[in-house]
Amino acid sequence: MAPQDKNTPPPLPEPLRVAVADSHTHLDMQEGTVEEALAKAASVGVTTVVQVGCDLAGSRWAADTAAAHDAVHATVALHPNEAPRIVLGDPDGWSRQGAREPGGDAALDAALDAIDALAALPHVRGVGETGLDYFRTGPDGMAAQERSFRAHIEIAKRHDKALVIHDREAHDDVLRILREEGAPERTVFHCYSGDAAMAELCAEAGYFMSFAGNVTFKNAQPLRDALAVAPAELVLVETDAPFLTPAPYRGRANAPYLIPVTLRAMAEVKGLTEDALATAVAANTARAFGY
């Protein structure tokens, strides 16, 4: 098989000497069983994963999976693109649930109540991914997104859980809403996508910044500049698998076992040894998610 064959899983990287966590993954969207994914990850020093919910079904699955596996912690939420689909409907069936009728604010409230109930569970360590996404949702969906985001912030604070933020092309509004609502004690910017100036604002506020495989992409110098200024005690690493596979495997399916590839690239940017960054990241992830 050609090395660039998109269907060939990337090879196992050299194991990390210091075990770390994948702070954001979607095992429900990956090939193979949860057990296989966890075993493969553990074999290279990725001994913990945070399984992230994006809708009600996915959040229930995350909670169940975390209950069944010591190595898995769950977060639960309605993704920023899910909220408008609940309120306005989804005639194209873009999401995994297929086509949906508009449910209005009442349907969003019911879904948020269900997320609230899941957030109370002990093996659910975070509320997310929530936030704003101006890339996929147009102006008509912004009100639903914002209402959902504010509700998730309140749920996270009430249950003392981490808040996991999805921020796509919406930096200023995400930061503003966090200021207006008052951010939870532990707030994580998943797949950090801001620049160095925003990283300094996040650091001042004490927000965690989680970097994904896209920090390795050729065109991602602004991300590397942000990572360079992000304090080591606020940095996390994630896959967002099956998305954002690090170079040189971009375009193939990502999985938690590829965390060492991203972590090594990050250590180079930070001017730290691999072990020093892994030690920091392991402690930060445990602190962020309270495990």
Protein backbone atom coordinates (compact mmCIF):
# COMPACT_ATOMS: atom_id res chain seq x y z
CA MET A 1 0.00 0.00 0.00
CA ALA A 2 1.24 3.47 -0.80
CA PRO A 3 2.28 5.35 2.36
CA GLN A 4 -0.14 8.15 1.49
CA ASP A 5 -3.13 5.76 1.18
CA LYS A 6 -5.86 7.55 3.14
CA ASN A 7 -7.26 4.25 4.42
CA THR A 8 -3.99 3.04 5.95
CA PRO A 9 -3.85 3.83 9.67
CA PRO A 10 -0.66 5.76 10.50
CA PRO A 11 1.98 3.63 12.26
CA LEU A 12 2.34 3.54 16.05
CA PRO A 13 4.63 6.37 17.16
CA GLU A 14 7.46 5.73 19.59
CA PRO A 15 5.90 5.51 23.07
CA LEU A 16 6.04 8.49 25.42
CA ARG A 17 8.06 7.90 28.58
CA VAL A 18 5.62 10.01 30.63
CA ALA A 19 1.96 9.03 30.25
CA VAL A 20 -0.47 11.72 29.09
CA ALA A 21 -4.17 12.20 28.36
CA ASP A 22 -5.94 12.95 25.08
CA SER A 23 -8.04 15.87 26.34
CA HIS A 24 -10.61 15.73 23.52
CA THR A 25 -11.60 12.76 21.38
CA HIS A 26 -14.67 11.31 19.67
CA LEU A 27 -14.37 7.53 20.03
CA ASP A 28 -17.94 7.16 18.74
CA MET A 29 -16.82 8.48 15.34
CA GLN A 30 -13.74 6.23 15.04
CA GLU A 31 -13.26 2.80 13.46
CA GLY A 32 -12.97 -0.26 15.71
CA THR A 33 -14.02 -0.79 19.31
CA VAL A 34 -13.43 1.45 22.30
CA GLU A 35 -11.30 -1.31 23.84
CA GLU A 36 -9.05 -1.44 20.75
CA ALA A 37 -8.64 2.34 20.71
CA LEU A 38 -7.77 2.47 24.42
CA ALA A 39 -5.29 -0.43 24.19
CA LYS A 40 -3.54 1.11 21.18
CA ALA A 41 -3.35 4.48 22.93
CA ALA A 42 -2.06 2.98 26.19
CA SER A 43 0.67 1.12 24.27
CA VAL A 44 2.26 4.50 23.37
CA GLY A 45 1.70 6.20 26.74
CA VAL A 46 -1.74 7.77 26.21
CA THR A 47 -3.46 6.26 29.23
CA THR A 48 -6.48 8.54 29.61
CA VAL A 49 -8.97 10.01 27.13
CA VAL A 50 -11.72 12.58 27.47
CA GLN A 51 -14.70 11.47 25.36
CA VAL A 52 -16.65 14.51 24.21
CA GLY A 53 -20.38 14.72 23.54
CA CYS A 54 -21.78 16.81 20.67
CA ASP A 55 -25.49 16.06 20.89
CA LEU A 56 -27.88 14.29 23.25
CA ALA A 57 -27.27 10.78 21.89
CA GLY A 58 -23.50 11.31 21.81
CA SER A 59 -23.49 12.76 25.33
CA ARG A 60 -25.40 9.74 26.69
CA TRP A 61 -22.93 7.47 24.90
CA ALA A 62 -19.98 9.41 26.38
CA ALA A 63 -21.40 9.09 29.90
CA ASP A 64 -22.05 5.35 29.47
CA THR A 65 -18.58 4.76 28.02
CA ALA A 66 -16.89 6.64 30.86
CA ALA A 67 -18.90 4.62 33.39
CA ALA A 68 -17.65 1.40 31.76
CA HIS A 69 -13.94 2.32 31.37
CA ASP A 70 -11.59 3.74 34.02
CA ALA A 71 -9.42 5.29 31.30
CA VAL A 72 -12.32 7.34 29.88
CA HIS A 73 -13.79 10.58 31.25
CA ALA A 74 -16.87 12.13 29.65
CA THR A 75 -18.05 15.58 28.74
CA VAL A 76 -21.64 16.28 27.69
CA ALA A 77 -23.13 19.08 25.59
CA LEU A 78 -25.00 20.25 22.55
CA HIS A 79 -22.37 21.33 20.01
CA PRO A 80 -22.74 24.95 18.81
CA ASN A 81 -23.94 23.64 15.45
CA GLU A 82 -26.43 21.32 17.14
CA ALA A 83 -28.38 24.09 18.91
CA PRO A 84 -29.64 25.78 15.71
CA ARG A 85 -30.58 22.37 14.26
CA ILE A 86 -32.79 21.70 17.28
CA VAL A 87 -34.44 25.14 17.13
CA LEU A 88 -34.64 25.73 13.37
CA GLY A 89 -34.68 22.15 12.08
CA ASP A 90 -32.23 20.43 9.76
CA PRO A 91 -33.90 19.70 6.41
CA ASP A 92 -30.64 18.46 4.85
CA GLY A 93 -30.00 15.94 7.62
CA TRP A 94 -26.38 17.09 7.88
CA SER A 95 -26.02 15.81 11.43
CA ARG A 96 -25.89 12.17 12.44
CA GLN A 97 -29.58 12.16 13.40
CA GLY A 98 -30.70 12.86 9.84
CA ALA A 99 -33.35 15.38 8.76
CA ARG A 100 -35.18 17.14 11.61
CA GLU A 101 -38.22 19.35 12.03
CA PRO A 102 -37.88 22.74 13.73
CA GLY A 103 -38.48 22.35 17.47
CA GLY A 104 -38.20 25.97 18.57
CA ASP A 105 -36.90 27.19 21.93
CA ALA A 106 -38.94 24.59 23.82
CA ALA A 107 -37.03 21.76 22.14
CA LEU A 108 -33.71 23.44 22.98
CA ASP A 109 -34.79 23.84 26.61
CA ALA A 110 -35.73 20.16 26.80
CA ALA A 111 -32.37 19.12 25.34
CA LEU A 112 -30.51 21.42 27.76
CA ASP A 113 -32.43 19.86 30.68
CA ALA A 114 -31.24 16.44 29.54
CA ILE A 115 -27.62 17.69 29.33
CA ASP A 116 -28.01 19.18 32.81
CA ALA A 117 -29.08 15.79 34.19
CA LEU A 118 -26.08 14.06 32.55
CA ALA A 119 -23.70 16.74 33.85
CA ALA A 120 -24.58 15.71 37.42
CA LEU A 121 -23.09 12.22 36.94
CA PRO A 122 -19.76 11.66 38.73
CA HIS A 123 -17.94 10.21 35.69
CA VAL A 124 -18.96 13.22 33.59
CA ARG A 125 -16.05 15.61 34.12
CA GLY A 126 -16.98 18.45 31.81
CA VAL A 127 -19.69 20.34 29.96
CA GLY A 128 -18.80 20.68 26.31
CA GLU A 129 -18.15 21.02 23.56
CA THR A 130 -20.13 24.23 23.60
CA GLY A 131 -19.42 27.72 22.35
CA LEU A 132 -19.87 29.51 19.04
CA ASP A 133 -19.23 28.47 15.45
CA TYR A 134 -19.59 31.19 12.81
CA PHE A 135 -18.03 28.96 10.15
CA ARG A 136 -20.92 26.53 9.75
CA THR A 137 -23.87 28.43 11.25
CA GLY A 138 -25.15 31.57 9.55
CA PRO A 139 -26.68 34.66 11.19
CA ASP A 140 -30.08 32.93 11.50
CA GLY A 141 -28.62 30.37 13.91
CA MET A 142 -26.56 32.71 16.09
CA ALA A 143 -29.30 33.41 18.66
CA ALA A 144 -29.81 29.69 19.31
CA GLN A 145 -26.04 29.16 19.58
CA GLU A 146 -25.61 31.97 22.06
CA ARG A 147 -28.58 30.91 24.21
CA SER A 148 -27.22 27.36 24.28
CA PHE A 149 -23.68 28.54 25.12
CA ARG A 150 -24.88 30.69 28.03
CA ALA A 151 -26.97 27.80 29.37
CA HIS A 152 -23.98 25.42 29.20
CA ILE A 153 -21.81 27.90 31.14
CA GLU A 154 -24.45 27.97 33.88
CA ILE A 155 -24.69 24.15 33.94
CA ALA A 156 -20.90 23.80 34.22
CA LYS A 157 -20.72 26.25 37.12
CA ARG A 158 -23.66 24.71 38.99
CA HIS A 159 -22.16 21.20 38.81
CA ASP A 160 -18.55 22.42 39.24
CA LYS A 161 -17.47 20.78 35.99
CA ALA A 162 -14.94 21.93 33.40
CA LEU A 163 -16.31 23.95 30.47
CA VAL A 164 -15.03 22.75 27.07
CA ILE A 165 -15.24 25.43 24.41
CA HIS A 166 -15.61 25.08 20.65
CA ASP A 167 -14.62 28.45 19.17
CA ARG A 168 -14.61 28.65 15.40
CA GLU A 169 -14.20 32.09 13.83
CA ALA A 170 -15.94 33.60 16.88
CA HIS A 171 -13.08 34.53 19.24
CA ASP A 172 -14.30 37.98 20.34
CA ASP A 173 -17.86 36.87 21.06
CA VAL A 174 -16.76 33.74 22.93
CA LEU A 175 -14.45 35.78 25.18
CA ARG A 176 -17.15 38.43 25.67
CA ILE A 177 -19.82 35.90 26.69
CA LEU A 178 -17.40 34.24 29.13
CA ARG A 179 -16.80 37.65 30.71
CA GLU A 180 -20.52 38.47 30.82
CA GLU A 181 -21.58 35.15 32.34
CA GLY A 182 -18.49 34.62 34.48
CA ALA A 183 -16.42 31.65 33.31
CA PRO A 184 -16.39 28.41 35.32
CA GLU A 185 -13.32 27.85 37.48
CA ARG A 186 -11.93 25.45 34.85
CA THR A 187 -12.39 26.47 31.22
CA VAL A 188 -10.75 24.70 28.26
CA PHE A 189 -10.42 26.11 24.75
CA HIS A 190 -10.52 22.89 22.73
CA CYS A 191 -8.57 22.84 19.47
CA TYR A 192 -7.22 26.28 20.31
CA SER A 193 -7.47 28.39 17.17
CA GLY A 194 -6.63 31.93 18.30
CA ASP A 195 -3.42 33.88 17.82
CA ALA A 196 -0.68 34.78 20.30
CA ALA A 197 -2.50 37.93 21.47
CA MET A 198 -5.59 35.86 22.32
CA ALA A 199 -3.39 33.27 24.07
CA GLU A 200 -2.16 36.05 26.36
CA LEU A 201 -5.79 37.01 27.15
CA CYS A 202 -6.64 33.36 27.87
CA ALA A 203 -3.57 33.01 30.10
CA GLU A 204 -4.55 36.13 32.09
CA ALA A 205 -8.00 34.61 32.64
CA GLY A 206 -6.53 31.23 33.58
CA TYR A 207 -8.16 29.39 30.67
CA PHE A 208 -6.59 26.13 29.49
CA MET A 209 -5.57 25.95 25.83
CA SER A 210 -5.70 22.54 24.20
CA PHE A 211 -3.68 22.08 21.02
CA ALA A 212 -4.58 19.54 18.33
CA GLY A 213 -2.77 18.04 15.32
CA ASN A 214 -3.31 21.18 13.25
CA VAL A 215 -0.47 22.82 15.24
CA THR A 216 1.81 20.68 13.02
CA PHE A 217 0.36 21.94 9.71
CA LYS A 218 2.67 24.00 7.46
CA ASN A 219 0.30 26.98 7.36
CA ALA A 220 -0.25 27.03 11.15
CA GLN A 221 2.51 29.43 12.22
CA PRO A 222 0.02 31.67 14.11
CA LEU A 223 -0.98 28.61 16.19
CA ARG A 224 2.65 27.83 16.95
CA ASP A 225 3.17 31.47 17.95
CA ALA A 226 0.20 31.13 20.32
CA LEU A 227 1.59 27.90 21.77
CA ALA A 228 4.97 29.58 22.28
CA VAL A 229 3.41 32.22 24.58
CA ALA A 230 0.87 29.93 26.30
CA PRO A 231 2.08 29.15 29.86
CA ALA A 232 3.16 25.51 30.21
CA GLU A 233 0.77 25.08 33.16
CA LEU A 234 -2.25 25.92 30.94
CA VAL A 235 -1.43 23.75 27.90
CA LEU A 236 -3.27 20.53 27.01
CA VAL A 237 -2.93 18.17 24.03
CA GLU A 238 -5.78 16.55 22.10
CA THR A 239 -6.57 14.67 18.93
CA ASP A 240 -10.17 15.75 18.19
CA ALA A 241 -10.04 12.33 16.50
CA PRO A 242 -11.01 11.27 13.91
CA PHE A 243 -10.29 14.84 12.73
CA LEU A 244 -7.15 17.03 12.58
CA THR A 245 -4.60 14.25 12.11
CA PRO A 246 -1.09 15.64 12.66
CA ALA A 247 1.48 15.92 9.88
CA PRO A 248 2.81 13.88 8.16
CA TYR A 249 -0.46 11.88 8.30
CA ARG A 250 -2.88 14.70 7.49
CA GLY A 251 -5.89 13.41 5.56
CA ARG A 252 -5.94 10.04 7.32
CA ALA A 253 -8.11 9.14 10.31
CA ASN A 254 -6.86 10.45 13.63
CA ALA A 255 -6.95 8.41 16.86
CA PRO A 256 -5.73 8.86 20.45
CA TYR A 257 -2.58 6.79 19.80
CA LEU A 258 -1.24 9.64 17.61
CA ILE A 259 -1.00 12.07 20.56
CA PRO A 260 2.81 11.52 20.81
CA VAL A 261 3.26 12.97 17.30
CA THR A 262 1.54 16.21 18.27
CA LEU A 263 3.13 16.37 21.72
CA ARG A 264 6.65 16.08 20.28
CA ALA A 265 5.94 18.88 17.80
CA MET A 266 4.58 21.01 20.66
CA ALA A 267 7.66 20.38 22.83
CA GLU A 268 9.85 21.65 20.01
CA VAL A 269 7.79 24.85 19.72
CA LYS A 270 7.92 25.40 23.51
CA GLY A 271 11.65 24.65 23.74
CA LEU A 272 10.92 21.94 26.32
CA THR A 273 11.98 18.32 26.47
CA GLU A 274 9.31 15.82 25.53
CA ASP A 275 9.25 14.51 29.14
CA ALA A 276 8.91 17.99 30.64
CA LEU A 277 5.96 18.88 28.40
CA ALA A 278 4.32 15.47 28.93
CA THR A 279 4.64 15.88 32.71
CA ALA A 280 3.02 19.33 32.55
CA VAL A 281 0.25 18.24 30.17
CA ALA A 282 -0.60 15.17 32.30
CA ALA A 283 -0.96 17.32 35.44
CA ASN A 284 -2.86 20.07 33.60
CA THR A 285 -5.42 17.67 32.13
CA ALA A 286 -6.08 16.06 35.51
CA ARG A 287 -6.46 19.53 37.05
CA ALA A 288 -8.72 20.78 34.25
CA PHE A 289 -11.09 17.82 34.40
CA GLY A 290 -10.85 17.14 38.13
CA TYR A 291 -9.80 13.49 38.05
